[in-house]
Protein backbone atom coordinates (compact mmCIF):
# COMPACT_ATOMS: atom_id res chain seq x y z
CA MET A 1 0.00 0.00 0.00
CA VAL A 2 1.41 3.39 -0.96
CA ASP A 3 1.57 6.27 1.46
CA ILE A 4 -0.18 9.33 0.02
CA ARG A 5 -0.87 12.58 1.81
CA PRO A 6 -2.59 15.90 1.25
CA PHE A 7 -0.42 18.86 0.33
CA ARG A 8 -0.72 22.65 0.01
CA ALA A 9 -0.92 23.34 -3.70
CA ILE A 10 0.47 26.43 -5.36
CA ARG A 11 -1.95 27.71 -7.97
CA TYR A 12 -2.50 30.53 -10.36
CA THR A 13 -4.72 33.32 -9.08
CA GLU A 14 -7.16 35.37 -11.15
CA LYS A 15 -4.35 37.92 -11.64
CA ALA A 16 -2.66 35.48 -14.05
CA GLY A 17 -5.43 35.92 -16.62
CA ASP A 18 -7.32 33.49 -18.82
CA PRO A 19 -6.42 29.87 -17.93
CA GLN A 20 -6.48 28.98 -21.64
CA ASN A 21 -3.41 31.17 -22.05
CA LEU A 22 -1.58 29.54 -19.14
CA ILE A 23 -1.75 25.80 -19.79
CA THR A 24 0.76 23.74 -21.75
CA LEU A 25 1.60 20.23 -22.77
CA PRO A 26 4.15 18.40 -20.59
CA TYR A 27 7.68 19.75 -21.01
CA ASP A 28 8.87 16.73 -23.00
CA LYS A 29 6.17 17.26 -25.65
CA ILE A 30 7.04 20.91 -26.28
CA ASP A 31 9.25 21.67 -29.29
CA SER A 32 10.87 25.07 -29.91
CA SER A 33 7.98 26.29 -32.09
CA MET A 34 5.43 25.40 -29.42
CA GLN A 35 7.64 26.99 -26.79
CA ARG A 36 7.61 30.31 -28.67
CA SER A 37 3.83 30.02 -29.11
CA TYR A 38 3.29 29.42 -25.40
CA TYR A 39 5.52 32.36 -24.53
CA SER A 40 3.46 34.63 -26.77
CA LYS A 41 0.18 33.64 -25.08
CA SER A 42 0.97 35.12 -21.68
CA PRO A 43 3.84 36.43 -19.58
CA TYR A 44 2.63 33.83 -17.04
CA ASN A 45 2.29 30.82 -19.32
CA TYR A 46 3.36 27.65 -17.52
CA CYS A 47 5.99 26.93 -20.19
CA ARG A 48 7.97 29.79 -18.67
CA LEU A 49 8.34 27.65 -15.53
CA ILE A 50 8.71 24.10 -16.83
CA LEU A 51 10.76 24.90 -19.93
CA PRO A 52 12.23 28.41 -19.90
CA MET A 53 13.85 29.57 -23.15
CA GLU A 54 16.65 31.32 -21.31
CA GLU A 55 20.05 29.64 -21.12
CA ASN A 56 20.09 29.47 -17.30
CA LYS A 57 16.62 27.87 -17.25
CA TYR A 58 16.74 26.45 -13.72
CA GLU A 59 17.71 29.77 -12.19
CA VAL A 60 15.11 31.61 -14.29
CA ALA A 61 12.35 29.17 -13.27
CA GLY A 62 13.22 29.61 -9.59
CA GLN A 63 13.24 33.39 -9.90
CA ARG A 64 9.91 33.40 -11.74
CA ILE A 65 8.19 31.28 -9.12
CA SER A 66 9.42 33.64 -6.39
CA GLN A 67 8.47 36.75 -8.38
CA TRP A 68 5.02 35.46 -9.40
CA THR A 69 4.33 34.52 -5.78
CA ARG A 70 5.34 37.99 -4.56
CA GLU A 71 3.16 39.59 -7.25
CA GLY A 72 0.15 37.41 -6.36
CA ILE A 73 0.14 35.55 -9.68
CA LEU A 74 0.70 32.31 -7.78
CA ALA A 75 -0.61 31.58 -4.29
CA LYS A 76 -0.21 28.67 -1.91
CA ASP A 77 -3.40 27.09 -0.60
CA GLU A 78 -4.18 27.75 3.06
CA GLN A 79 -5.04 24.10 3.72
CA SER A 80 -3.60 20.81 2.58
CA ALA A 81 -5.80 18.71 0.31
CA VAL A 82 -5.93 15.70 -1.95
CA PHE A 83 -7.36 16.70 -5.32
CA VAL A 84 -9.68 14.69 -7.55
CA SER A 85 -8.74 14.91 -11.21
CA ARG A 86 -11.23 14.11 -13.94
CA GLN A 87 -10.19 14.03 -17.58
CA GLU A 88 -12.67 13.50 -20.37
CA PHE A 89 -11.48 12.77 -23.89
CA ILE A 90 -12.54 11.06 -27.11
CA LEU A 91 -10.66 7.96 -28.23
CA LEU A 92 -11.64 6.17 -31.42
CA GLY A 93 -14.99 7.94 -31.41
CA LYS A 94 -15.81 6.95 -27.84
CA THR A 95 -15.92 9.35 -24.89
CA CYS A 96 -13.61 8.14 -22.13
CA VAL A 97 -13.31 9.43 -18.59
CA ARG A 98 -10.20 9.03 -16.46
CA THR A 99 -10.56 9.85 -12.78
CA GLY A 100 -7.64 10.07 -10.41
CA ILE A 101 -6.11 11.94 -7.54
CA ILE A 102 -3.33 14.42 -7.12
CA ALA A 103 -1.54 13.89 -3.82
CA ALA A 104 1.89 13.81 -2.25
CA LEU A 105 3.36 10.33 -2.53
CA ARG A 106 6.11 8.97 -0.34
CA LEU A 107 9.12 8.07 -2.45
CA TYR A 108 9.89 4.37 -2.54
CA SER A 109 12.98 2.55 -3.68
CA TYR A 110 12.23 0.22 -6.58
CA ASN A 111 13.46 -2.73 -4.51
CA GLU A 112 10.53 -2.16 -2.09
CA ASN A 113 8.17 -3.36 -4.87
CA VAL A 114 5.59 -0.68 -4.14
CA VAL A 115 5.98 1.68 -7.12
CA PHE A 116 7.28 0.21 -10.36
CA PRO A 117 8.83 1.97 -13.36
CA HIS A 118 6.47 1.95 -16.31
CA GLU A 119 8.57 3.14 -19.20
CA ILE A 120 12.10 3.42 -20.43
CA THR A 121 13.58 6.68 -19.22
CA TYR A 122 16.72 8.36 -20.44
CA SER A 123 19.47 9.84 -18.31
CA GLU A 124 19.49 13.31 -19.91
CA PRO A 125 15.78 14.13 -19.34
CA LYS A 126 15.94 12.63 -15.83
CA ALA A 127 18.96 14.79 -15.00
CA ASP A 128 17.21 17.85 -16.46
CA ARG A 129 14.08 17.39 -14.33
CA LEU A 130 16.13 16.58 -11.23
CA ASN A 131 18.12 19.79 -11.72
CA MET A 132 14.84 21.71 -12.09
CA LEU A 133 13.41 20.12 -8.94
CA ARG A 134 16.54 20.85 -6.95
CA ARG A 135 16.59 24.50 -8.04
CA VAL A 136 12.92 25.40 -7.65
CA GLN A 137 12.17 23.03 -4.74
CA LYS A 138 8.74 22.39 -6.26
CA ASN A 139 7.32 19.50 -8.25
CA LEU A 140 6.23 21.38 -11.36
CA GLU A 141 4.90 18.33 -13.20
CA PRO A 142 3.27 15.51 -11.25
CA VAL A 143 4.16 11.92 -12.00
CA PHE A 144 1.38 9.88 -13.58
CA LEU A 145 0.76 6.57 -11.80
CA ILE A 146 -1.68 3.77 -12.51
CA TYR A 147 -2.98 1.48 -9.80
CA SER A 148 -5.19 -1.57 -9.61
CA ASP A 149 -8.73 -1.11 -8.28
CA PRO A 150 -10.78 -4.07 -9.61
CA GLU A 151 -13.65 -3.42 -7.19
CA ASN A 152 -13.86 0.29 -8.16
CA ARG A 153 -13.52 1.39 -4.54
CA THR A 154 -11.67 4.54 -5.52
CA VAL A 155 -14.06 5.49 -8.30
CA ASP A 156 -17.05 4.88 -6.01
CA PHE A 157 -15.41 7.02 -3.32
CA PHE A 158 -14.82 9.83 -5.83
CA ALA A 159 -18.44 9.65 -6.98
CA GLU A 160 -19.72 9.83 -3.40
CA THR A 161 -17.29 12.62 -2.48
CA SER A 162 -18.26 14.58 -5.59
CA LYS A 163 -21.95 14.15 -4.79
CA THR A 164 -21.40 15.31 -1.19
CA ASN A 165 -19.35 18.32 -2.34
CA ARG A 166 -22.06 19.33 -4.85
CA GLN A 167 -24.68 19.11 -2.10
CA GLN A 168 -22.52 21.19 0.25
CA LYS A 169 -21.98 23.83 -2.43
CA LEU A 170 -25.72 24.00 -3.05
CA LEU A 171 -26.36 24.44 0.66
CA ILE A 172 -23.76 27.19 0.84
CA ARG A 173 -25.29 29.01 -2.15
CA MET A 174 -28.80 28.66 -0.74
CA GLY A 175 -27.79 29.61 2.82
């Protein structure tokens, strides 16, 4: 069983502008043309953090996070939380829904047989992301994990939690 915990997320505030101008693909899917396009969308586009164009990219990313936090572009949540993530997409003409969580996960050594590698990774990109993590002291791109849940306990929990949250929001709006 993995050890997951809530965490205090750092998020964009309304000061950052339209979310459509802030989001990007993962860093390893962004080519130089896309990078320029993302930069042109907003001075706060996420590409400026995960894949700065500047030569000293790790230093620049760290400075930007600090500056954007001081300016109120980014803000840290007051309370720790585990977040439910729901992605809806079309695959081969069929609408698919992927539900998951975003949480802090204890790091495990592979020899503990708790978390397993799922793909071939290369030393250069791993070193790049480790350098970024060390400089900014923030996980800018969460790791995607898959887990077994044959009885749908997690999905059922999400559905119940979502239903409860909707009811609470309605009560708050009505009250």
